[in-house]
Amino acid sequence: MIPPLVRTLATGSIVLVGGAITISALTTCILRRKALINKEKFGKICSYCRGNGFYKCKVCKGNGTIRWSPLYDPVFVNPCVCPTCDGHRVQRCLNCLGDGRV
């Protein structure tokens, strides 16, 4: 049996902690949304991707595969999926993080 005073204190503390976490999450969400709106309104277009958010992969040069051989003087050269773009031929712009605006 838990004494009623301890039960009341535990319930009250749980409610306070839960409320604080909820307010913190709500504030974070609102601030992120506000930053995104400001970025769309006042941000410049990214010069690297020209506002697309993506550009041609620089490792595979937009091919999707790379030539790889485990030996220094290759006898066999195997085409492998590009590890940077995973074969999609484009990669996300690191300057604007895919938003198209800086």
N, C-alpha and C. Protein backbone atom coordinates (compact mmCIF):
# COMPACT_ATOMS: atom_id res chain seq x y z
N MET A 1 0.83 -1.18 0.00
CA MET A 1 0.00 0.00 0.00
C MET A 1 0.88 1.25 0.00
N ILE A 2 0.60 2.11 -0.93
CA ILE A 2 1.32 3.38 -1.01
C ILE A 2 0.50 4.42 -0.26
N PRO A 3 1.15 5.16 0.61
CA PRO A 3 0.41 6.21 1.35
C PRO A 3 -0.20 7.24 0.39
N PRO A 4 -1.36 7.78 0.71
CA PRO A 4 -2.03 8.71 -0.19
C PRO A 4 -1.22 9.98 -0.46
N LEU A 5 -0.44 10.43 0.50
CA LEU A 5 0.36 11.64 0.29
C LEU A 5 1.44 11.42 -0.77
N VAL A 6 2.10 10.27 -0.71
CA VAL A 6 3.15 9.94 -1.69
C VAL A 6 2.52 9.77 -3.07
N ARG A 7 1.36 9.12 -3.14
CA ARG A 7 0.66 8.93 -4.41
C ARG A 7 0.29 10.28 -5.01
N THR A 8 -0.19 11.21 -4.22
CA THR A 8 -0.57 12.54 -4.71
C THR A 8 0.65 13.31 -5.19
N LEU A 9 1.76 13.23 -4.45
CA LEU A 9 2.98 13.91 -4.87
C LEU A 9 3.54 13.32 -6.17
N ALA A 10 3.48 12.00 -6.30
CA ALA A 10 3.98 11.36 -7.52
C ALA A 10 3.12 11.74 -8.72
N THR A 11 1.81 11.73 -8.54
CA THR A 11 0.91 12.11 -9.64
C THR A 11 1.13 13.56 -10.05
N GLY A 12 1.26 14.44 -9.08
CA GLY A 12 1.51 15.85 -9.38
C GLY A 12 2.82 16.08 -10.10
N SER A 13 3.86 15.37 -9.69
CA SER A 13 5.16 15.55 -10.34
C SER A 13 5.14 15.00 -11.77
N ILE A 14 4.42 13.89 -11.98
CA ILE A 14 4.31 13.34 -13.33
C ILE A 14 3.56 14.31 -14.24
N VAL A 15 2.51 14.92 -13.74
CA VAL A 15 1.74 15.89 -14.53
C VAL A 15 2.61 17.09 -14.87
N LEU A 16 3.39 17.59 -13.92
CA LEU A 16 4.26 18.73 -14.17
C LEU A 16 5.35 18.42 -15.20
N VAL A 17 5.98 17.26 -15.07
CA VAL A 17 7.03 16.88 -16.01
C VAL A 17 6.44 16.68 -17.41
N GLY A 18 5.30 16.02 -17.49
CA GLY A 18 4.65 15.81 -18.79
C GLY A 18 4.26 17.13 -19.43
N GLY A 19 3.76 18.06 -18.63
CA GLY A 19 3.41 19.37 -19.17
C GLY A 19 4.62 20.13 -19.66
N ALA A 20 5.72 20.05 -18.93
CA ALA A 20 6.95 20.73 -19.34
C ALA A 20 7.48 20.16 -20.66
N ILE A 21 7.44 18.84 -20.80
CA ILE A 21 7.89 18.20 -22.04
C ILE A 21 7.00 18.60 -23.20
N THR A 22 5.68 18.65 -22.98
CA THR A 22 4.74 19.03 -24.03
C THR A 22 4.97 20.46 -24.47
N ILE A 23 5.15 21.37 -23.53
CA ILE A 23 5.40 22.77 -23.86
C ILE A 23 6.72 22.93 -24.61
N SER A 24 7.73 22.19 -24.21
CA SER A 24 9.02 22.25 -24.88
C SER A 24 8.91 21.76 -26.33
N ALA A 25 8.21 20.65 -26.55
CA ALA A 25 8.05 20.11 -27.89
C ALA A 25 7.24 21.07 -28.77
N LEU A 26 6.21 21.66 -28.22
CA LEU A 26 5.39 22.60 -28.96
C LEU A 26 6.18 23.85 -29.35
N THR A 27 6.98 24.36 -28.43
CA THR A 27 7.80 25.53 -28.70
C THR A 27 8.84 25.23 -29.78
N THR A 28 9.45 24.07 -29.72
CA THR A 28 10.42 23.69 -30.73
C THR A 28 9.78 23.60 -32.11
N CYS A 29 8.61 23.02 -32.18
CA CYS A 29 7.90 22.89 -33.45
C CYS A 29 7.55 24.26 -34.02
N ILE A 30 7.08 25.15 -33.20
CA ILE A 30 6.71 26.50 -33.65
C ILE A 30 7.95 27.26 -34.14
N LEU A 31 9.06 27.16 -33.43
CA LEU A 31 10.27 27.88 -33.83
C LEU A 31 10.85 27.33 -35.13
N ARG A 32 10.79 26.02 -35.33
CA ARG A 32 11.26 25.45 -36.59
C ARG A 32 10.42 25.91 -37.76
N ARG A 33 9.11 25.94 -37.56
CA ARG A 33 8.20 26.40 -38.62
C ARG A 33 8.45 27.86 -38.95
N LYS A 34 8.67 28.69 -37.93
CA LYS A 34 8.95 30.10 -38.13
C LYS A 34 10.26 30.30 -38.89
N ALA A 35 11.27 29.51 -38.58
CA ALA A 35 12.55 29.59 -39.28
C ALA A 35 12.39 29.19 -40.75
N LEU A 36 11.58 28.18 -41.02
CA LEU A 36 11.34 27.74 -42.39
C LEU A 36 10.61 28.82 -43.19
N ILE A 37 9.63 29.45 -42.57
CA ILE A 37 8.90 30.53 -43.25
C ILE A 37 9.84 31.70 -43.55
N ASN A 38 10.70 32.06 -42.59
CA ASN A 38 11.66 33.14 -42.82
C ASN A 38 12.66 32.79 -43.91
N LYS A 39 13.06 31.52 -43.98
CA LYS A 39 14.00 31.08 -45.00
C LYS A 39 13.37 31.18 -46.38
N GLU A 40 12.09 30.81 -46.49
CA GLU A 40 11.40 30.91 -47.77
C GLU A 40 11.18 32.37 -48.17
N LYS A 41 10.92 33.21 -47.20
CA LYS A 41 10.58 34.60 -47.47
C LYS A 41 11.81 35.45 -47.77
N PHE A 42 12.86 35.31 -46.96
CA PHE A 42 14.02 36.20 -47.06
C PHE A 42 15.29 35.52 -47.55
N GLY A 43 15.30 34.20 -47.70
CA GLY A 43 16.52 33.49 -48.07
C GLY A 43 16.88 33.66 -49.53
N LYS A 44 18.18 33.60 -49.81
CA LYS A 44 18.67 33.66 -51.18
C LYS A 44 18.64 32.27 -51.79
N ILE A 45 18.55 32.22 -53.10
CA ILE A 45 18.60 30.93 -53.81
C ILE A 45 20.03 30.41 -53.73
N CYS A 46 20.16 29.13 -53.46
CA CYS A 46 21.48 28.50 -53.31
C CYS A 46 22.23 28.57 -54.64
N SER A 47 23.49 28.99 -54.58
CA SER A 47 24.28 29.14 -55.80
C SER A 47 24.86 27.81 -56.29
N TYR A 48 24.97 26.83 -55.42
CA TYR A 48 25.55 25.55 -55.82
C TYR A 48 24.56 24.68 -56.58
N CYS A 49 23.33 24.58 -56.07
CA CYS A 49 22.32 23.73 -56.72
C CYS A 49 21.33 24.54 -57.54
N ARG A 50 21.45 25.86 -57.54
CA ARG A 50 20.58 26.79 -58.26
C ARG A 50 19.12 26.63 -57.86
N GLY A 51 18.89 26.38 -56.57
CA GLY A 51 17.54 26.32 -56.04
C GLY A 51 16.85 24.98 -56.16
N ASN A 52 17.52 23.97 -56.71
CA ASN A 52 16.90 22.65 -56.86
C ASN A 52 16.95 21.84 -55.57
N GLY A 53 17.99 22.00 -54.80
CA GLY A 53 18.18 21.21 -53.59
C GLY A 53 19.02 19.97 -53.84
N PHE A 54 19.22 19.62 -55.11
CA PHE A 54 20.02 18.46 -55.48
C PHE A 54 20.94 18.85 -56.63
N TYR A 55 22.06 18.14 -56.75
CA TYR A 55 22.92 18.32 -57.91
C TYR A 55 23.50 16.97 -58.31
N LYS A 56 24.08 16.93 -59.51
CA LYS A 56 24.63 15.70 -60.06
C LYS A 56 25.73 15.17 -59.14
N CYS A 57 25.72 13.88 -58.89
CA CYS A 57 26.70 13.26 -58.00
C CYS A 57 28.11 13.48 -58.55
N LYS A 58 29.02 13.90 -57.67
CA LYS A 58 30.38 14.20 -58.09
C LYS A 58 31.29 12.98 -58.08
N VAL A 59 30.88 11.92 -57.39
CA VAL A 59 31.71 10.72 -57.33
C VAL A 59 31.54 9.91 -58.61
N CYS A 60 30.29 9.66 -58.99
CA CYS A 60 30.02 8.84 -60.19
C CYS A 60 29.74 9.70 -61.41
N LYS A 61 29.75 11.03 -61.26
CA LYS A 61 29.49 11.98 -62.35
C LYS A 61 28.11 11.75 -62.98
N GLY A 62 27.13 11.40 -62.14
CA GLY A 62 25.76 11.22 -62.62
C GLY A 62 25.50 9.91 -63.32
N ASN A 63 26.41 8.96 -63.20
CA ASN A 63 26.24 7.67 -63.87
C ASN A 63 25.50 6.66 -62.99
N GLY A 64 25.65 6.75 -61.69
CA GLY A 64 25.01 5.82 -60.77
C GLY A 64 25.88 4.64 -60.39
N THR A 65 26.94 4.41 -61.13
CA THR A 65 27.86 3.31 -60.82
C THR A 65 29.29 3.83 -60.88
N ILE A 66 30.16 3.14 -60.17
CA ILE A 66 31.59 3.45 -60.22
C ILE A 66 32.33 2.18 -60.61
N ARG A 67 33.54 2.36 -61.13
CA ARG A 67 34.39 1.20 -61.47
C ARG A 67 35.29 0.94 -60.29
N TRP A 68 35.28 -0.30 -59.80
CA TRP A 68 36.02 -0.63 -58.59
C TRP A 68 36.75 -1.94 -58.77
N SER A 69 37.95 -1.99 -58.24
CA SER A 69 38.73 -3.22 -58.25
C SER A 69 39.49 -3.30 -56.93
N PRO A 70 39.51 -4.47 -56.29
CA PRO A 70 40.22 -4.59 -55.02
C PRO A 70 41.73 -4.59 -55.16
N LEU A 71 42.25 -4.75 -56.36
CA LEU A 71 43.69 -4.82 -56.57
C LEU A 71 44.23 -3.50 -57.09
N TYR A 72 45.53 -3.26 -56.86
CA TYR A 72 46.14 -2.03 -57.35
C TYR A 72 46.22 -2.03 -58.88
N ASP A 73 46.68 -3.12 -59.44
CA ASP A 73 46.73 -3.27 -60.90
C ASP A 73 45.58 -4.20 -61.29
N PRO A 74 44.44 -3.65 -61.64
CA PRO A 74 43.25 -4.48 -61.79
C PRO A 74 43.28 -5.39 -63.00
N VAL A 75 42.91 -6.62 -62.76
CA VAL A 75 42.69 -7.58 -63.84
C VAL A 75 41.22 -7.51 -64.22
N PHE A 76 40.37 -7.45 -63.22
CA PHE A 76 38.93 -7.31 -63.43
C PHE A 76 38.48 -5.99 -62.79
N VAL A 77 37.65 -5.26 -63.49
CA VAL A 77 37.08 -4.03 -62.96
C VAL A 77 35.57 -4.25 -62.86
N ASN A 78 35.06 -4.16 -61.64
CA ASN A 78 33.65 -4.41 -61.41
C ASN A 78 32.88 -3.10 -61.32
N PRO A 79 31.75 -2.99 -62.03
CA PRO A 79 30.90 -1.82 -61.80
C PRO A 79 30.11 -2.02 -60.51
N CYS A 80 30.14 -1.03 -59.64
CA CYS A 80 29.42 -1.10 -58.37
C CYS A 80 28.53 0.13 -58.22
N VAL A 81 27.52 -0.01 -57.39
CA VAL A 81 26.63 1.11 -57.12
C VAL A 81 27.41 2.19 -56.38
N CYS A 82 27.18 3.41 -56.76
CA CYS A 82 27.89 4.54 -56.16
C CYS A 82 27.53 4.65 -54.68
N PRO A 83 28.52 4.70 -53.78
CA PRO A 83 28.21 4.77 -52.36
C PRO A 83 27.71 6.14 -51.90
N THR A 84 27.95 7.18 -52.69
CA THR A 84 27.51 8.52 -52.30
C THR A 84 26.04 8.75 -52.61
N CYS A 85 25.60 8.40 -53.82
CA CYS A 85 24.22 8.67 -54.22
C CYS A 85 23.35 7.42 -54.21
N ASP A 86 23.90 6.26 -53.88
CA ASP A 86 23.19 4.98 -53.87
C ASP A 86 22.53 4.66 -55.20
N GLY A 87 23.14 5.10 -56.30
CA GLY A 87 22.63 4.80 -57.63
C GLY A 87 21.53 5.73 -58.10
N HIS A 88 21.21 6.77 -57.35
CA HIS A 88 20.15 7.70 -57.75
C HIS A 88 20.64 8.80 -58.68
N ARG A 89 21.94 8.91 -58.88
CA ARG A 89 22.61 9.83 -59.78
C ARG A 89 22.61 11.29 -59.31
N VAL A 90 21.92 11.60 -58.24
CA VAL A 90 21.96 12.95 -57.68
C VAL A 90 22.22 12.84 -56.19
N GLN A 91 22.75 13.91 -55.62
CA GLN A 91 22.95 13.93 -54.18
C GLN A 91 22.42 15.24 -53.62
N ARG A 92 22.02 15.23 -52.38
CA ARG A 92 21.46 16.42 -51.74
C ARG A 92 22.53 17.48 -51.57
N CYS A 93 22.16 18.70 -51.84
CA CYS A 93 23.08 19.82 -51.72
C CYS A 93 23.46 20.01 -50.25
N LEU A 94 24.75 20.06 -49.98
CA LEU A 94 25.21 20.22 -48.61
C LEU A 94 25.24 21.67 -48.17
N ASN A 95 25.15 22.59 -49.12
CA ASN A 95 25.15 24.01 -48.79
C ASN A 95 23.79 24.43 -48.21
N CYS A 96 22.70 24.02 -48.85
CA CYS A 96 21.36 24.41 -48.42
C CYS A 96 20.60 23.26 -47.76
N LEU A 97 21.22 22.10 -47.66
CA LEU A 97 20.62 20.89 -47.06
C LEU A 97 19.34 20.47 -47.78
N GLY A 98 19.28 20.71 -49.09
CA GLY A 98 18.15 20.25 -49.89
C GLY A 98 16.97 21.20 -49.91
N ASP A 99 17.06 22.36 -49.29
CA ASP A 99 15.96 23.32 -49.29
C ASP A 99 15.93 24.19 -50.53
N GLY A 100 17.07 24.41 -51.15
CA GLY A 100 17.14 25.27 -52.32
C GLY A 100 17.41 26.73 -51.97
N ARG A 101 17.35 27.06 -50.68
CA ARG A 101 17.59 28.43 -50.25
C ARG A 101 18.58 28.43 -49.09
N VAL A 102 19.36 29.51 -49.04
CA VAL A 102 20.36 29.65 -47.98
C VAL A 102 19.93 30.74 -47.03
